[in-house]
Amino acid sequence: MANPTPRIYLEPLSADKHSRSIYEIWLDPANLAGTGMDTAPSLETTRVMIRDRSHSVKPGIENFAIMAGPESPLYRLVATATQPQQQGDLGRNKGEPAPKLIGWTGVVRVAPEEIGWYVTGPCRGLGVATEAVQAMLRRYWTAQPGTAEVIAYIREGNVASERVATKAGLVRVLERTLVKGSTLPNGQVTGCDHGVWVAKKPT
């Protein structure tokens, strides 16, 4: 369990443990907004996507599932039935309510180190993303002492993500704004302007 807060905790994102939960989140078209996907990928594609973005495949990548346990006030927002025991839920008796995945966050690319976050619809607007990003960064700065800064690319007009970035301690660097038609580190060409937000390692 990484950097727990009163409402959430983070655990390393795992294709084996978390693929089905993420797949089920994406089955709701409303949850695809902002992902760049028009339709939900299959369960197997979801599994491959998570595996290909893991630390073991790409050193430096650190992705985490945002989890809410049964004791969290967020749990009732996403829990509609008792979830079967999943791989990795060690110590839980079969039939007990299992923690719910409500989003993910982490360092999604390196050189430069880029962070990202996602929170499922029912838990948006409640400060969950801010808590998760702050917890993730605390862990990351400790694990990567040689990294001086991380960045986030945020589409112009995405007020919610800008608010998360600000509350999590990131600052926009106006002179680094990517205009429409710029190429992102992942090779994608931007269809609109993107702000560049930076978090410096605490001194």
Protein backbone atom coordinates (compact mmCIF):
# COMPACT_ATOMS: atom_id res chain seq x y z
CA MET A 1 0.00 0.00 0.00
CA ALA A 2 1.62 3.26 -1.12
CA ASN A 3 1.10 6.62 0.60
CA PRO A 4 -2.44 6.08 1.92
CA THR A 5 -4.73 9.01 2.63
CA PRO A 6 -7.96 8.86 4.66
CA ARG A 7 -9.95 8.12 1.48
CA ILE A 8 -7.65 6.31 -0.92
CA TYR A 9 -4.47 4.33 -1.26
CA LEU A 10 -2.22 3.60 -4.23
CA GLU A 11 -0.93 0.24 -5.35
CA PRO A 12 1.29 -0.57 -8.36
CA LEU A 13 -0.85 -0.95 -11.46
CA SER A 14 -0.92 -4.60 -12.52
CA ALA A 15 -2.25 -6.17 -15.71
CA ASP A 16 -3.19 -9.30 -13.79
CA LYS A 17 -4.97 -7.55 -10.95
CA HIS A 18 -6.49 -4.41 -12.48
CA SER A 19 -7.27 -5.10 -16.15
CA ARG A 20 -10.86 -6.15 -15.61
CA SER A 21 -11.68 -3.18 -13.38
CA ILE A 22 -10.28 -0.73 -15.94
CA TYR A 23 -12.00 -2.55 -18.79
CA GLU A 24 -15.34 -2.27 -16.96
CA ILE A 25 -14.78 1.44 -16.34
CA TRP A 26 -14.19 2.00 -20.06
CA LEU A 27 -17.38 0.16 -21.00
CA ASP A 28 -19.24 3.31 -19.89
CA PRO A 29 -18.86 5.78 -22.82
CA ALA A 30 -18.89 8.68 -20.36
CA ASN A 31 -15.63 7.42 -18.90
CA LEU A 32 -13.84 7.57 -22.27
CA ALA A 33 -13.87 11.37 -22.30
CA GLY A 34 -10.32 12.69 -22.29
CA THR A 35 -8.73 9.30 -22.98
CA GLY A 36 -8.35 9.78 -26.73
CA MET A 37 -10.39 6.63 -27.36
CA ASP A 38 -13.72 6.58 -29.19
CA THR A 39 -14.65 3.05 -28.15
CA ALA A 40 -13.70 0.83 -25.24
CA PRO A 41 -10.84 -1.60 -25.91
CA SER A 42 -11.33 -5.31 -25.31
CA LEU A 43 -10.32 -6.90 -22.03
CA GLU A 44 -7.25 -8.45 -23.64
CA THR A 45 -6.24 -5.13 -25.24
CA THR A 46 -6.65 -3.44 -21.87
CA ARG A 47 -4.40 -6.08 -20.32
CA VAL A 48 -1.73 -5.53 -22.99
CA MET A 49 -1.93 -1.74 -22.61
CA ILE A 50 -1.30 -1.99 -18.87
CA ARG A 51 1.49 -4.55 -19.25
CA ASP A 52 3.26 -2.50 -21.94
CA ARG A 53 3.23 0.53 -19.65
CA SER A 54 4.67 -1.27 -16.65
CA HIS A 55 7.97 -0.60 -14.91
CA SER A 56 9.27 -4.05 -15.86
CA VAL A 57 8.78 -3.32 -19.57
CA LYS A 58 9.70 0.37 -19.50
CA PRO A 59 12.06 1.25 -16.63
CA GLY A 60 11.21 4.64 -15.15
CA ILE A 61 7.49 4.21 -15.71
CA GLU A 62 5.63 4.16 -12.38
CA ASN A 63 1.86 3.71 -12.65
CA PHE A 64 -0.51 3.20 -9.73
CA ALA A 65 -4.11 2.16 -9.27
CA ILE A 66 -6.14 4.55 -7.11
CA MET A 67 -8.04 2.33 -4.69
CA ALA A 68 -10.92 2.93 -2.27
CA GLY A 69 -11.45 0.38 0.47
CA PRO A 70 -14.86 -0.47 1.98
CA GLU A 71 -14.14 1.95 4.83
CA SER A 72 -13.68 4.90 2.43
CA PRO A 73 -16.58 7.33 1.89
CA LEU A 74 -15.82 7.02 -1.84
CA TYR A 75 -16.54 3.30 -1.87
CA ARG A 76 -20.32 3.64 -1.93
CA LEU A 77 -20.09 5.87 -5.02
CA VAL A 78 -18.75 3.03 -7.14
CA ALA A 79 -19.75 -0.15 -5.31
CA THR A 80 -23.07 -1.54 -6.49
CA ALA A 81 -22.44 -5.16 -5.54
CA THR A 82 -20.00 -7.29 -3.59
CA GLN A 83 -16.96 -7.72 -5.81
CA PRO A 84 -15.56 -11.25 -6.08
CA GLN A 85 -12.17 -11.81 -4.55
CA GLN A 86 -9.45 -10.79 -6.99
CA GLN A 87 -5.88 -11.92 -7.38
CA GLY A 88 -3.79 -9.87 -4.99
CA ASP A 89 -6.53 -9.42 -2.37
CA LEU A 90 -4.51 -11.44 0.11
CA GLY A 91 -5.94 -11.74 3.58
CA ARG A 92 -9.53 -11.16 2.50
CA ASN A 93 -12.18 -13.80 3.01
CA LYS A 94 -14.19 -14.84 -0.02
CA GLY A 95 -17.38 -12.79 -0.20
CA GLU A 96 -16.04 -9.80 1.73
CA PRO A 97 -16.25 -6.45 -0.08
CA ALA A 98 -13.04 -5.95 -2.04
CA PRO A 99 -11.41 -2.55 -2.58
CA LYS A 100 -12.58 -0.71 -5.69
CA LEU A 101 -10.35 0.78 -8.36
CA ILE A 102 -11.50 4.36 -8.93
CA GLY A 103 -8.71 5.64 -11.17
CA TRP A 104 -4.99 5.61 -11.83
CA THR A 105 -2.02 7.96 -11.80
CA GLY A 106 1.70 7.85 -12.30
CA VAL A 107 4.72 8.70 -14.41
CA VAL A 108 3.51 7.64 -17.83
CA ARG A 109 6.60 8.50 -19.89
CA VAL A 110 10.25 9.30 -19.31
CA ALA A 111 12.67 11.73 -20.98
CA PRO A 112 10.98 13.98 -20.08
CA GLU A 113 9.24 12.52 -17.04
CA GLU A 114 5.53 13.04 -17.72
CA ILE A 115 2.79 12.41 -15.20
CA GLY A 116 -0.89 11.76 -15.77
CA TRP A 117 -4.04 10.89 -13.86
CA TYR A 118 -7.56 9.62 -14.37
CA VAL A 119 -10.51 9.32 -11.99
CA THR A 120 -13.75 7.56 -12.86
CA GLY A 121 -16.91 9.65 -13.27
CA PRO A 122 -18.64 9.18 -9.87
CA CYS A 123 -15.50 10.28 -8.01
CA ARG A 124 -14.68 13.38 -10.04
CA GLY A 125 -14.87 16.83 -8.55
CA LEU A 126 -14.19 15.53 -5.05
CA GLY A 127 -10.45 16.14 -4.82
CA VAL A 128 -9.56 12.50 -5.45
CA ALA A 129 -7.19 13.20 -8.33
CA THR A 130 -5.38 15.86 -6.30
CA GLU A 131 -4.91 13.47 -3.37
CA ALA A 132 -3.69 10.72 -5.67
CA VAL A 133 -1.22 12.89 -7.59
CA GLN A 134 0.19 14.34 -4.37
CA ALA A 135 0.62 10.84 -2.89
CA MET A 136 2.19 9.56 -6.10
CA LEU A 137 4.66 12.44 -6.27
CA ARG A 138 5.73 11.97 -2.64
CA ARG A 139 6.60 8.39 -3.45
CA TYR A 140 8.24 9.27 -6.77
CA TRP A 141 10.55 11.95 -5.37
CA THR A 142 11.79 9.44 -2.79
CA ALA A 143 12.22 6.62 -5.30
CA GLN A 144 13.89 8.80 -7.96
CA PRO A 145 16.22 11.20 -6.12
CA GLY A 146 17.99 12.13 -9.35
CA THR A 147 14.86 13.51 -11.03
CA ALA A 148 14.56 17.28 -10.75
CA GLU A 149 11.10 17.83 -12.25
CA VAL A 150 8.07 16.19 -13.80
CA ILE A 151 5.67 17.68 -16.31
CA ALA A 152 2.05 17.31 -17.33
CA TYR A 153 0.56 18.24 -20.71
CA ILE A 154 -2.95 19.64 -20.27
CA ARG A 155 -5.25 20.50 -23.14
CA GLU A 156 -6.29 24.17 -23.24
CA GLY A 157 -9.72 24.57 -21.72
CA ASN A 158 -9.47 21.47 -19.51
CA VAL A 159 -10.24 23.46 -16.39
CA ALA A 160 -10.69 20.39 -14.19
CA SER A 161 -7.19 19.07 -14.94
CA GLU A 162 -5.69 22.54 -14.56
CA ARG A 163 -7.28 22.74 -11.13
CA VAL A 164 -5.87 19.35 -10.16
CA ALA A 165 -2.41 20.36 -11.35
CA THR A 166 -2.48 23.60 -9.38
CA LYS A 167 -3.66 21.96 -6.16
CA ALA A 168 -1.09 19.18 -6.56
CA GLY A 169 1.71 21.75 -6.75
CA LEU A 170 2.34 22.01 -10.48
CA VAL A 171 2.88 25.41 -12.08
CA ARG A 172 2.19 26.30 -15.69
CA VAL A 173 5.20 27.44 -17.74
CA LEU A 174 3.67 29.67 -20.40
CA GLU A 175 6.75 29.85 -22.61
CA ARG A 176 6.68 26.06 -23.00
CA THR A 177 3.10 25.94 -24.30
CA LEU A 178 2.65 23.49 -27.18
CA VAL A 179 0.60 25.02 -29.96
CA LYS A 180 -1.75 23.07 -32.19
CA GLY A 181 0.25 20.87 -34.55
CA SER A 182 3.11 20.31 -32.11
CA THR A 183 4.43 16.79 -31.59
CA LEU A 184 4.16 15.30 -28.11
CA PRO A 185 6.89 12.99 -26.74
CA ASN A 186 4.68 10.00 -27.56
CA GLY A 187 4.69 10.99 -31.23
CA GLN A 188 1.12 12.27 -31.32
CA VAL A 189 0.46 15.57 -33.06
CA THR A 190 -1.65 17.90 -30.94
CA GLY A 191 -5.05 18.86 -32.28
CA CYS A 192 -5.16 21.89 -30.00
CA ASP A 193 -2.90 23.92 -27.75
CA HIS A 194 -1.54 22.16 -24.66
CA GLY A 195 -0.23 23.86 -21.55
CA VAL A 196 2.94 22.51 -19.95
CA TRP A 197 2.73 22.20 -16.18
CA VAL A 198 5.79 21.51 -14.04
CA ALA A 199 6.39 20.18 -10.54
CA LYS A 200 9.87 20.65 -9.09
CA LYS A 201 11.35 18.21 -6.62
CA PRO A 202 11.05 19.69 -3.11
CA THR A 203 14.33 20.91 -1.64
